Amino acid sequence: MKIDKRNELKVTMILMVIVMTFVVTFVNVSINYGYDSSFFYRWMKSWGLAFIVALPVVMLIMPRLKKLVARFVEP
């Protein structure tokens, strides 16, 4: 399956949000609660909430940041 070029940034952002929230919530739940019998449930609950919050934020911020950074990049 090929991704259309116009959707490349959106797909990249979604995958980045999945990976980053997965890792950050794993570390956070590990540090705060340890590895008890409810670890997986707490982690998935934390990850779901983080994903729901992070995805819209990234979708709104990333295109603007990309334009901002482009100003400082030499052609």
PDB file of N, CA and C in Angstrom:
ATOM      1  N   MET A   1       0.838  -1.177   0.000  1.00  0.00           N
ATOM      2  CA  MET A   1       0.000   0.000   0.000  1.00  0.00           C
ATOM      3  C   MET A   1       0.881   1.237   0.000  1.00  0.00           C
ATOM      4  N   LYS A   2       0.628   2.129  -0.906  1.00  0.00           N
ATOM      5  CA  LYS A   2       1.370   3.372  -1.000  1.00  0.00           C
ATOM      6  C   LYS A   2       0.523   4.509  -0.432  1.00  0.00           C
ATOM      7  N   ILE A   3       1.194   5.451   0.205  1.00  0.00           N
ATOM      8  CA  ILE A   3       0.529   6.629   0.756  1.00  0.00           C
ATOM      9  C   ILE A   3       0.687   7.767  -0.239  1.00  0.00           C
ATOM     10  N   ASP A   4      -0.394   8.454  -0.510  1.00  0.00           N
ATOM     11  CA  ASP A   4      -0.357   9.603  -1.397  1.00  0.00           C
ATOM     12  C   ASP A   4       0.555  10.686  -0.806  1.00  0.00           C
ATOM     13  N   LYS A   5       1.304  11.349  -1.655  1.00  0.00           N
ATOM     14  CA  LYS A   5       2.278  12.352  -1.209  1.00  0.00           C
ATOM     15  C   LYS A   5       1.627  13.446  -0.367  1.00  0.00           C
ATOM     16  N   ARG A   6       0.404  13.833  -0.687  1.00  0.00           N
ATOM     17  CA  ARG A   6      -0.251  14.909   0.071  1.00  0.00           C
ATOM     18  C   ARG A   6      -0.627  14.483   1.487  1.00  0.00           C
ATOM     19  N   ASN A   7      -0.663  13.176   1.755  1.00  0.00           N
ATOM     20  CA  ASN A   7      -0.974  12.679   3.095  1.00  0.00           C
ATOM     21  C   ASN A   7       0.266  12.256   3.881  1.00  0.00           C
ATOM     22  N   GLU A   8       1.411  12.407   3.286  1.00  0.00           N
ATOM     23  CA  GLU A   8       2.655  11.960   3.919  1.00  0.00           C
ATOM     24  C   GLU A   8       2.873  12.597   5.292  1.00  0.00           C
ATOM     25  N   LEU A   9       2.699  13.909   5.389  1.00  0.00           N
ATOM     26  CA  LEU A   9       2.921  14.596   6.658  1.00  0.00           C
ATOM     27  C   LEU A   9       1.921  14.133   7.718  1.00  0.00           C
ATOM     28  N   LYS A  10       0.664  13.964   7.335  1.00  0.00           N
ATOM     29  CA  LYS A  10      -0.356  13.522   8.299  1.00  0.00           C
ATOM     30  C   LYS A  10      -0.048  12.132   8.833  1.00  0.00           C
ATOM     31  N   VAL A  11       0.313  11.228   7.955  1.00  0.00           N
ATOM     32  CA  VAL A  11       0.632   9.860   8.379  1.00  0.00           C
ATOM     33  C   VAL A  11       1.872   9.862   9.274  1.00  0.00           C
ATOM     34  N   THR A  12       2.858  10.652   8.894  1.00  0.00           N
ATOM     35  CA  THR A  12       4.075  10.762   9.713  1.00  0.00           C
ATOM     36  C   THR A  12       3.747  11.293  11.106  1.00  0.00           C
ATOM     37  N   MET A  13       2.910  12.313  11.176  1.00  0.00           N
ATOM     38  CA  MET A  13       2.536  12.885  12.474  1.00  0.00           C
ATOM     39  C   MET A  13       1.781  11.867  13.328  1.00  0.00           C
ATOM     40  N   ILE A  14       0.864  11.136  12.725  1.00  0.00           N
ATOM     41  CA  ILE A  14       0.100  10.134  13.479  1.00  0.00           C
ATOM     42  C   ILE A  14       1.027   9.057  14.036  1.00  0.00           C
ATOM     43  N   LEU A  15       1.935   8.568  13.205  1.00  0.00           N
ATOM     44  CA  LEU A  15       2.876   7.538  13.666  1.00  0.00           C
ATOM     45  C   LEU A  15       3.802   8.072  14.757  1.00  0.00           C
ATOM     46  N   MET A  16       4.246   9.313  14.621  1.00  0.00           N
ATOM     47  CA  MET A  16       5.114   9.901  15.642  1.00  0.00           C
ATOM     48  C   MET A  16       4.373  10.044  16.968  1.00  0.00           C
ATOM     49  N   VAL A  17       3.126  10.467  16.900  1.00  0.00           N
ATOM     50  CA  VAL A  17       2.325  10.596  18.122  1.00  0.00           C
ATOM     51  C   VAL A  17       2.132   9.237  18.782  1.00  0.00           C
ATOM     52  N   ILE A  18       1.857   8.219  17.997  1.00  0.00           N
ATOM     53  CA  ILE A  18       1.685   6.875  18.562  1.00  0.00           C
ATOM     54  C   ILE A  18       2.947   6.430  19.278  1.00  0.00           C
ATOM     55  N   VAL A  19       4.080   6.542  18.607  1.00  0.00           N
ATOM     56  CA  VAL A  19       5.347   6.077  19.196  1.00  0.00           C
ATOM     57  C   VAL A  19       5.714   6.903  20.429  1.00  0.00           C
ATOM     58  N   MET A  20       5.662   8.221  20.307  1.00  0.00           N
ATOM     59  CA  MET A  20       6.087   9.076  21.424  1.00  0.00           C
ATOM     60  C   MET A  20       5.188   8.907  22.651  1.00  0.00           C
ATOM     61  N   THR A  21       3.872   8.896  22.461  1.00  0.00           N
ATOM     62  CA  THR A  21       2.987   8.749  23.612  1.00  0.00           C
ATOM     63  C   THR A  21       3.126   7.360  24.228  1.00  0.00           C
ATOM     64  N   PHE A  22       3.354   6.354  23.396  1.00  0.00           N
ATOM     65  CA  PHE A  22       3.540   4.986  23.894  1.00  0.00           C
ATOM     66  C   PHE A  22       4.757   4.912  24.812  1.00  0.00           C
ATOM     67  N   VAL A  23       5.874   5.472  24.366  1.00  0.00           N
ATOM     68  CA  VAL A  23       7.116   5.428  25.149  1.00  0.00           C
ATOM     69  C   VAL A  23       7.003   6.286  26.403  1.00  0.00           C
ATOM     70  N   VAL A  24       6.513   7.508  26.260  1.00  0.00           N
ATOM     71  CA  VAL A  24       6.439   8.423  27.404  1.00  0.00           C
ATOM     72  C   VAL A  24       5.497   7.897  28.473  1.00  0.00           C
ATOM     73  N   THR A  25       4.345   7.374  28.065  1.00  0.00           N
ATOM     74  CA  THR A  25       3.418   6.863  29.077  1.00  0.00           C
ATOM     75  C   THR A  25       3.957   5.593  29.732  1.00  0.00           C
ATOM     76  N   PHE A  26       4.677   4.766  28.968  1.00  0.00           N
ATOM     77  CA  PHE A  26       5.288   3.574  29.561  1.00  0.00           C
ATOM     78  C   PHE A  26       6.267   3.975  30.669  1.00  0.00           C
ATOM     79  N   VAL A  27       7.131   4.924  30.365  1.00  0.00           N
ATOM     80  CA  VAL A  27       8.122   5.381  31.348  1.00  0.00           C
ATOM     81  C   VAL A  27       7.420   6.019  32.542  1.00  0.00           C
ATOM     82  N   ASN A  28       6.434   6.857  32.279  1.00  0.00           N
ATOM     83  CA  ASN A  28       5.738   7.548  33.353  1.00  0.00           C
ATOM     84  C   ASN A  28       5.007   6.586  34.283  1.00  0.00           C
ATOM     85  N   VAL A  29       4.268   5.640  33.715  1.00  0.00           N
ATOM     86  CA  VAL A  29       3.544   4.669  34.536  1.00  0.00           C
ATOM     87  C   VAL A  29       4.532   3.772  35.280  1.00  0.00           C
ATOM     88  N   SER A  30       5.618   3.392  34.640  1.00  0.00           N
ATOM     89  CA  SER A  30       6.638   2.564  35.297  1.00  0.00           C
ATOM     90  C   SER A  30       7.216   3.255  36.519  1.00  0.00           C
ATOM     91  N   ILE A  31       7.549   4.521  36.377  1.00  0.00           N
ATOM     92  CA  ILE A  31       8.150   5.278  37.482  1.00  0.00           C
ATOM     93  C   ILE A  31       7.135   5.524  38.588  1.00  0.00           C
ATOM     94  N   ASN A  32       5.928   5.907  38.216  1.00  0.00           N
ATOM     95  CA  ASN A  32       4.943   6.298  39.222  1.00  0.00           C
ATOM     96  C   ASN A  32       4.252   5.137  39.920  1.00  0.00           C
ATOM     97  N   TYR A  33       4.064   4.009  39.234  1.00  0.00           N
ATOM     98  CA  TYR A  33       3.307   2.903  39.824  1.00  0.00           C
ATOM     99  C   TYR A  33       4.079   1.592  39.921  1.00  0.00           C
ATOM    100  N   GLY A  34       5.158   1.461  39.166  1.00  0.00           N
ATOM    101  CA  GLY A  34       5.885   0.199  39.165  1.00  0.00           C
ATOM    102  C   GLY A  34       5.154  -0.842  38.337  1.00  0.00           C
ATOM    103  N   TYR A  35       5.647  -2.058  38.411  1.00  0.00           N
ATOM    104  CA  TYR A  35       5.105  -3.150  37.595  1.00  0.00           C
ATOM    105  C   TYR A  35       4.241  -4.078  38.438  1.00  0.00           C
ATOM    106  N   ASP A  36       3.036  -3.640  38.743  1.00  0.00           N
ATOM    107  CA  ASP A  36       2.124  -4.481  39.509  1.00  0.00           C
ATOM    108  C   ASP A  36       1.103  -5.122  38.560  1.00  0.00           C
ATOM    109  N   SER A  37       0.112  -5.754  39.113  1.00  0.00           N
ATOM    110  CA  SER A  37      -0.860  -6.475  38.286  1.00  0.00           C
ATOM    111  C   SER A  37      -1.715  -5.542  37.430  1.00  0.00           C
ATOM    112  N   SER A  38      -1.805  -4.283  37.799  1.00  0.00           N
ATOM    113  CA  SER A  38      -2.622  -3.342  37.022  1.00  0.00           C
ATOM    114  C   SER A  38      -1.776  -2.474  36.086  1.00  0.00           C
ATOM    115  N   PHE A  39      -0.498  -2.828  35.939  1.00  0.00           N
ATOM    116  CA  PHE A  39       0.402  -2.011  35.121  1.00  0.00           C
ATOM    117  C   PHE A  39      -0.116  -1.824  33.699  1.00  0.00           C
ATOM    118  N   PHE A  40      -0.455  -2.924  33.042  1.00  0.00           N
ATOM    119  CA  PHE A  40      -0.867  -2.838  31.646  1.00  0.00           C
ATOM    120  C   PHE A  40      -2.128  -2.000  31.506  1.00  0.00           C
ATOM    121  N   TYR A  41      -3.096  -2.181  32.364  1.00  0.00           N
ATOM    122  CA  TYR A  41      -4.334  -1.396  32.321  1.00  0.00           C
ATOM    123  C   TYR A  41      -4.031   0.087  32.505  1.00  0.00           C
ATOM    124  N   ARG A  42      -3.220   0.420  33.514  1.00  0.00           N
ATOM    125  CA  ARG A  42      -2.869   1.828  33.759  1.00  0.00           C
ATOM    126  C   ARG A  42      -2.127   2.425  32.568  1.00  0.00           C
ATOM    127  N   TRP A  43      -1.218   1.636  32.009  1.00  0.00           N
ATOM    128  CA  TRP A  43      -0.433   2.124  30.880  1.00  0.00           C
ATOM    129  C   TRP A  43      -1.335   2.408  29.677  1.00  0.00           C
ATOM    130  N   MET A  44      -2.219   1.477  29.341  1.00  0.00           N
ATOM    131  CA  MET A  44      -3.098   1.662  28.186  1.00  0.00           C
ATOM    132  C   MET A  44      -4.079   2.817  28.408  1.00  0.00           C
ATOM    133  N   LYS A  45      -4.552   2.965  29.638  1.00  0.00           N
ATOM    134  CA  LYS A  45      -5.445   4.084  29.958  1.00  0.00           C
ATOM    135  C   LYS A  45      -4.695   5.404  29.797  1.00  0.00           C
ATOM    136  N   SER A  46      -3.484   5.448  30.311  1.00  0.00           N
ATOM    137  CA  SER A  46      -2.649   6.639  30.192  1.00  0.00           C
ATOM    138  C   SER A  46      -2.299   6.920  28.735  1.00  0.00           C
ATOM    139  N   TRP A  47      -1.955   5.866  27.994  1.00  0.00           N
ATOM    140  CA  TRP A  47      -1.592   6.037  26.590  1.00  0.00           C
ATOM    141  C   TRP A  47      -2.781   6.540  25.767  1.00  0.00           C
ATOM    142  N   GLY A  48      -3.957   5.978  26.012  1.00  0.00           N
ATOM    143  CA  GLY A  48      -5.143   6.407  25.271  1.00  0.00           C
ATOM    144  C   GLY A  48      -5.439   7.881  25.470  1.00  0.00           C
ATOM    145  N   LEU A  49      -5.375   8.327  26.704  1.00  0.00           N
ATOM    146  CA  LEU A  49      -5.616   9.737  27.000  1.00  0.00           C
ATOM    147  C   LEU A  49      -4.533  10.615  26.370  1.00  0.00           C
ATOM    148  N   ALA A  50      -3.277  10.198  26.500  1.00  0.00           N
ATOM    149  CA  ALA A  50      -2.175  10.966  25.921  1.00  0.00           C
ATOM    150  C   ALA A  50      -2.316  11.067  24.407  1.00  0.00           C
ATOM    151  N   PHE A  51      -2.709   9.986  23.765  1.00  0.00           N
ATOM    152  CA  PHE A  51      -2.878   9.986  22.313  1.00  0.00           C
ATOM    153  C   PHE A  51      -3.999  10.938  21.897  1.00  0.00           C
ATOM    154  N   ILE A  52      -5.116  10.885  22.610  1.00  0.00           N
ATOM    155  CA  ILE A  52      -6.264  11.740  22.299  1.00  0.00           C
ATOM    156  C   ILE A  52      -5.906  13.223  22.443  1.00  0.00           C
ATOM    157  N   VAL A  53      -5.065  13.546  23.412  1.00  0.00           N
ATOM    158  CA  VAL A  53      -4.652  14.933  23.608  1.00  0.00           C
ATOM    159  C   VAL A  53      -3.562  15.327  22.617  1.00  0.00           C
ATOM    160  N   ALA A  54      -2.583  14.466  22.420  1.00  0.00           N
ATOM    161  CA  ALA A  54      -1.402  14.810  21.619  1.00  0.00           C
ATOM    162  C   ALA A  54      -1.691  14.907  20.127  1.00  0.00           C
ATOM    163  N   LEU A  55      -2.549  14.065  19.603  1.00  0.00           N
ATOM    164  CA  LEU A  55      -2.772  14.062  18.159  1.00  0.00           C
ATOM    165  C   LEU A  55      -3.309  15.398  17.640  1.00  0.00           C
ATOM    166  N   PRO A  56      -4.366  15.950  18.219  1.00  0.00           N
ATOM    167  CA  PRO A  56      -4.829  17.253  17.721  1.00  0.00           C
ATOM    168  C   PRO A  56      -3.790  18.362  17.915  1.00  0.00           C
ATOM    169  N   VAL A  57      -3.070  18.297  19.022  1.00  0.00           N
ATOM    170  CA  VAL A  57      -2.039  19.307  19.266  1.00  0.00           C
ATOM    171  C   VAL A  57      -0.980  19.247  18.172  1.00  0.00           C
ATOM    172  N   VAL A  58      -0.509  18.053  17.860  1.00  0.00           N
ATOM    173  CA  VAL A  58       0.513  17.896  16.825  1.00  0.00           C
ATOM    174  C   VAL A  58      -0.039  18.302  15.460  1.00  0.00           C
ATOM    175  N   MET A  59      -1.273  17.936  15.164  1.00  0.00           N
ATOM    176  CA  MET A  59      -1.865  18.283  13.873  1.00  0.00           C
ATOM    177  C   MET A  59      -1.989  19.797  13.705  1.00  0.00           C
ATOM    178  N   LEU A  60      -2.210  20.508  14.787  1.00  0.00           N
ATOM    179  CA  LEU A  60      -2.304  21.964  14.717  1.00  0.00           C
ATOM    180  C   LEU A  60      -0.934  22.641  14.713  1.00  0.00           C
ATOM    181  N   ILE A  61      -0.007  22.133  15.494  1.00  0.00           N
ATOM    182  CA  ILE A  61       1.283  22.793  15.691  1.00  0.00           C
ATOM    183  C   ILE A  61       2.300  22.443  14.614  1.00  0.00           C
ATOM    184  N   MET A  62       2.375  21.204  14.180  1.00  0.00           N
ATOM    185  CA  MET A  62       3.437  20.756  13.281  1.00  0.00           C
ATOM    186  C   MET A  62       3.505  21.550  11.974  1.00  0.00           C
ATOM    187  N   PRO A  63       2.406  21.773  11.274  1.00  0.00           N
ATOM    188  CA  PRO A  63       2.521  22.547  10.027  1.00  0.00           C
ATOM    189  C   PRO A  63       3.071  23.960  10.260  1.00  0.00           C
ATOM    190  N   ARG A  64       2.685  24.579  11.354  1.00  0.00           N
ATOM    191  CA  ARG A  64       3.183  25.922  11.672  1.00  0.00           C
ATOM    192  C   ARG A  64       4.670  25.887  12.018  1.00  0.00           C
ATOM    193  N   LEU A  65       5.069  24.872  12.773  1.00  0.00           N
ATOM    194  CA  LEU A  65       6.489  24.740  13.106  1.00  0.00           C
ATOM    195  C   LEU A  65       7.326  24.470  11.862  1.00  0.00           C
ATOM    196  N   LYS A  66       6.789  23.672  10.962  1.00  0.00           N
ATOM    197  CA  LYS A  66       7.502  23.371   9.723  1.00  0.00           C
ATOM    198  C   LYS A  66       7.752  24.647   8.918  1.00  0.00           C
ATOM    199  N   LYS A  67       6.746  25.520   8.832  1.00  0.00           N
ATOM    200  CA  LYS A  67       6.901  26.794   8.148  1.00  0.00           C
ATOM    201  C   LYS A  67       7.904  27.694   8.859  1.00  0.00           C
ATOM    202  N   LEU A  68       7.844  27.709  10.182  1.00  0.00           N
ATOM    203  CA  LEU A  68       8.776  28.527  10.965  1.00  0.00           C
ATOM    204  C   LEU A  68      10.218  28.070  10.749  1.00  0.00           C
ATOM    205  N   VAL A  69      10.439  26.782  10.831  1.00  0.00           N
ATOM    206  CA  VAL A  69      11.788  26.241  10.638  1.00  0.00           C
ATOM    207  C   VAL A  69      12.268  26.501   9.214  1.00  0.00           C
ATOM    208  N   ALA A  70      11.372  26.425   8.244  1.00  0.00           N
ATOM    209  CA  ALA A  70      11.749  26.658   6.837  1.00  0.00           C
ATOM    210  C   ALA A  70      12.317  28.048   6.623  1.00  0.00           C
ATOM    211  N   ARG A  71      11.896  28.996   7.425  1.00  0.00           N
ATOM    212  CA  ARG A  71      12.432  30.357   7.332  1.00  0.00           C
ATOM    213  C   ARG A  71      13.927  30.416   7.626  1.00  0.00           C
ATOM    214  N   PHE A  72      14.380  29.505   8.474  1.00  0.00           N
ATOM    215  CA  PHE A  72      15.777  29.526   8.911  1.00  0.00           C
ATOM    216  C   PHE A  72      16.663  28.542   8.173  1.00  0.00           C
ATOM    217  N   VAL A  73      16.095  27.789   7.266  1.00  0.00           N
ATOM    218  CA  VAL A  73      16.858  26.806   6.495  1.00  0.00           C
ATOM    219  C   VAL A  73      17.280  27.429   5.174  1.00  0.00           C
ATOM    220  N   GLU A  74      18.552  27.326   4.878  1.00  0.00           N
ATOM    221  CA  GLU A  74      19.037  27.865   3.613  1.00  0.00           C
ATOM    222  C   GLU A  74      18.641  26.945   2.477  1.00  0.00           C
ATOM    223  N   PRO A  75      18.242  27.543   1.347  1.00  0.00           N
ATOM    224  CA  PRO A  75      17.854  26.716   0.197  1.00  0.00           C
ATOM    225  C   PRO A  75      19.047  26.020  -0.443  1.00  0.00           C
TER     226      PRO A  75
END
